[in-house]
Protein backbone atom coordinates (compact mmCIF):
# COMPACT_ATOMS: atom_id res chain seq x y z
CA MET A 1 12.80 -22.24 -33.68
CA THR A 2 12.42 -18.61 -34.61
CA ASP A 3 15.59 -16.88 -35.81
CA LEU A 4 17.12 -13.88 -34.04
CA LYS A 5 16.17 -11.38 -36.73
CA THR A 6 12.50 -12.39 -36.59
CA LEU A 7 12.48 -12.25 -32.79
CA THR A 8 14.20 -8.86 -32.84
CA ARG A 9 11.62 -7.47 -35.27
CA LYS A 10 8.85 -8.67 -32.96
CA VAL A 11 10.52 -7.10 -29.90
CA ILE A 12 11.00 -3.79 -31.71
CA ALA A 13 7.41 -3.84 -32.99
CA PHE A 14 6.16 -4.49 -29.44
CA ARG A 15 8.23 -1.60 -28.09
CA ASP A 16 7.41 0.80 -30.91
CA ALA A 17 3.67 0.16 -30.69
CA ARG A 18 3.86 1.47 -27.13
CA ASN A 19 6.22 4.36 -27.95
CA TRP A 20 8.72 3.13 -25.36
CA ARG A 21 11.88 3.86 -27.39
CA GLN A 22 12.08 7.20 -25.61
CA PHE A 23 12.76 5.37 -22.33
CA HIS A 24 15.23 2.84 -23.69
CA ASN A 25 18.73 4.22 -23.43
CA PRO A 26 21.53 1.61 -23.25
CA LYS A 27 22.09 2.08 -19.50
CA ASP A 28 18.46 1.47 -18.57
CA VAL A 29 18.09 -1.41 -21.00
CA ALA A 30 21.22 -3.03 -19.55
CA ILE A 31 19.82 -2.52 -16.04
CA SER A 32 16.55 -4.16 -17.11
CA LEU A 33 18.53 -7.08 -18.52
CA ALA A 34 20.38 -7.51 -15.23
CA LEU A 35 17.16 -7.30 -13.23
CA GLU A 36 15.49 -9.97 -15.35
CA ALA A 37 18.57 -12.18 -15.04
CA ALA A 38 18.31 -11.77 -11.27
CA GLU A 39 14.66 -12.83 -11.38
CA LEU A 40 15.75 -15.95 -13.27
CA LEU A 41 18.40 -16.63 -10.62
CA GLU A 42 15.77 -16.55 -7.88
CA HIS A 43 14.36 -19.79 -9.26
CA PHE A 44 17.64 -21.56 -8.44
CA GLN A 45 18.82 -19.78 -5.31
CA TRP A 46 19.36 -22.01 -2.27
CA LYS A 47 18.31 -25.17 -4.11
CA ASN A 48 20.39 -28.29 -4.52
CA PRO A 49 20.37 -30.11 -7.90
CA GLU A 50 17.43 -32.33 -6.95
CA GLU A 51 15.37 -29.38 -5.74
CA ILE A 52 16.19 -27.48 -8.92
CA ALA A 53 15.01 -30.37 -11.07
CA ARG A 54 11.71 -30.54 -9.16
CA HIS A 55 11.28 -26.77 -9.24
CA VAL A 56 11.89 -26.49 -12.96
CA LYS A 57 9.46 -29.34 -13.63
CA ALA A 58 6.79 -27.71 -11.46
CA ARG A 59 7.45 -24.09 -12.54
CA LYS A 60 8.76 -24.52 -16.08
CA ALA A 61 6.43 -21.83 -17.46
CA ASP A 62 7.71 -19.32 -14.89
CA VAL A 63 11.36 -20.14 -15.62
CA SER A 64 10.58 -19.92 -19.33
CA ASP A 65 9.03 -16.48 -18.86
CA GLU A 66 12.15 -15.22 -17.09
CA LEU A 67 14.40 -16.58 -19.83
CA ALA A 68 12.18 -14.89 -22.40
CA ASP A 69 12.46 -11.60 -20.49
CA VAL A 70 16.27 -11.88 -20.51
CA LEU A 71 16.28 -12.59 -24.24
CA TYR A 72 13.90 -9.68 -24.87
CA TRP A 73 16.35 -7.22 -23.34
CA VAL A 74 19.36 -8.82 -25.05
CA LEU A 75 17.67 -8.52 -28.43
CA LEU A 76 16.59 -4.94 -27.74
CA LEU A 77 20.05 -3.86 -26.62
CA GLY A 78 21.70 -5.59 -29.56
CA HIS A 79 19.34 -3.81 -31.95
CA ASP A 80 19.75 -0.40 -30.36
CA LEU A 81 23.56 -0.70 -30.34
CA ASP A 82 23.58 -2.06 -33.91
CA ILE A 83 25.23 -5.32 -32.87
CA ASP A 84 24.63 -8.42 -34.97
CA LEU A 85 24.13 -10.88 -32.14
CA GLY A 86 24.48 -13.95 -34.35
CA ALA A 87 27.84 -12.70 -35.62
CA ALA A 88 28.85 -11.65 -32.09
CA VAL A 89 28.15 -15.13 -30.71
CA ALA A 90 30.03 -16.79 -33.58
CA ARG A 91 33.01 -14.47 -33.03
CA LYS A 92 32.96 -15.09 -29.27
CA LEU A 93 32.83 -18.86 -29.76
CA LYS A 94 35.99 -18.63 -31.88
CA LYS A 95 37.71 -16.62 -29.14
CA ASN A 96 36.59 -19.10 -26.50
CA ALA A 97 37.75 -22.06 -28.61
CA LYS A 98 41.27 -20.58 -28.50
CA LYS A 99 41.06 -19.89 -24.77
CA TYR A 100 39.60 -23.29 -23.99
CA PRO A 101 41.06 -25.87 -26.38
CA VAL A 102 39.27 -29.21 -26.11
CA LYS A 103 42.44 -31.11 -25.15
CA LYS A 104 43.03 -28.85 -22.15
CA ALA A 105 39.50 -27.91 -21.13
CA ARG A 106 37.47 -31.09 -21.60
CA ASN A 107 35.88 -32.18 -18.30
CA ARG A 108 37.42 -29.20 -16.46
CA HIS A 109 35.84 -26.00 -15.16
CA THR A 110 39.19 -24.28 -14.73
CA LYS A 111 39.55 -20.71 -15.99
CA TYR A 112 41.54 -20.49 -19.22
CA THR A 113 44.42 -18.73 -17.46
CA ASN A 114 44.91 -21.82 -15.31
CA LEU A 115 44.63 -24.56 -17.94
């Protein structure tokens, strides 16, 4: 598995080779991220669990491409906003561990305010 820093360097190199930085303000990058996430959602919309399993098996490359597009924009936005995504995820997991202690949250999908 490639680490986040290596992936980010590749994303930035791809963008910079095309001189696209001029178009990539945080608002438009965030919009692109949301749009790609919506394209990923289309693969699951209106499908029950069995249909999803069949769809993903048959269209795994397409689903993979959409996930890669989402990650591309996440890495780009993190870079442009000078956010260490690895540290951000670690910090967020600590916050979530406090909100969702295992004893209260295990096997439950309840929001932390209702545990």
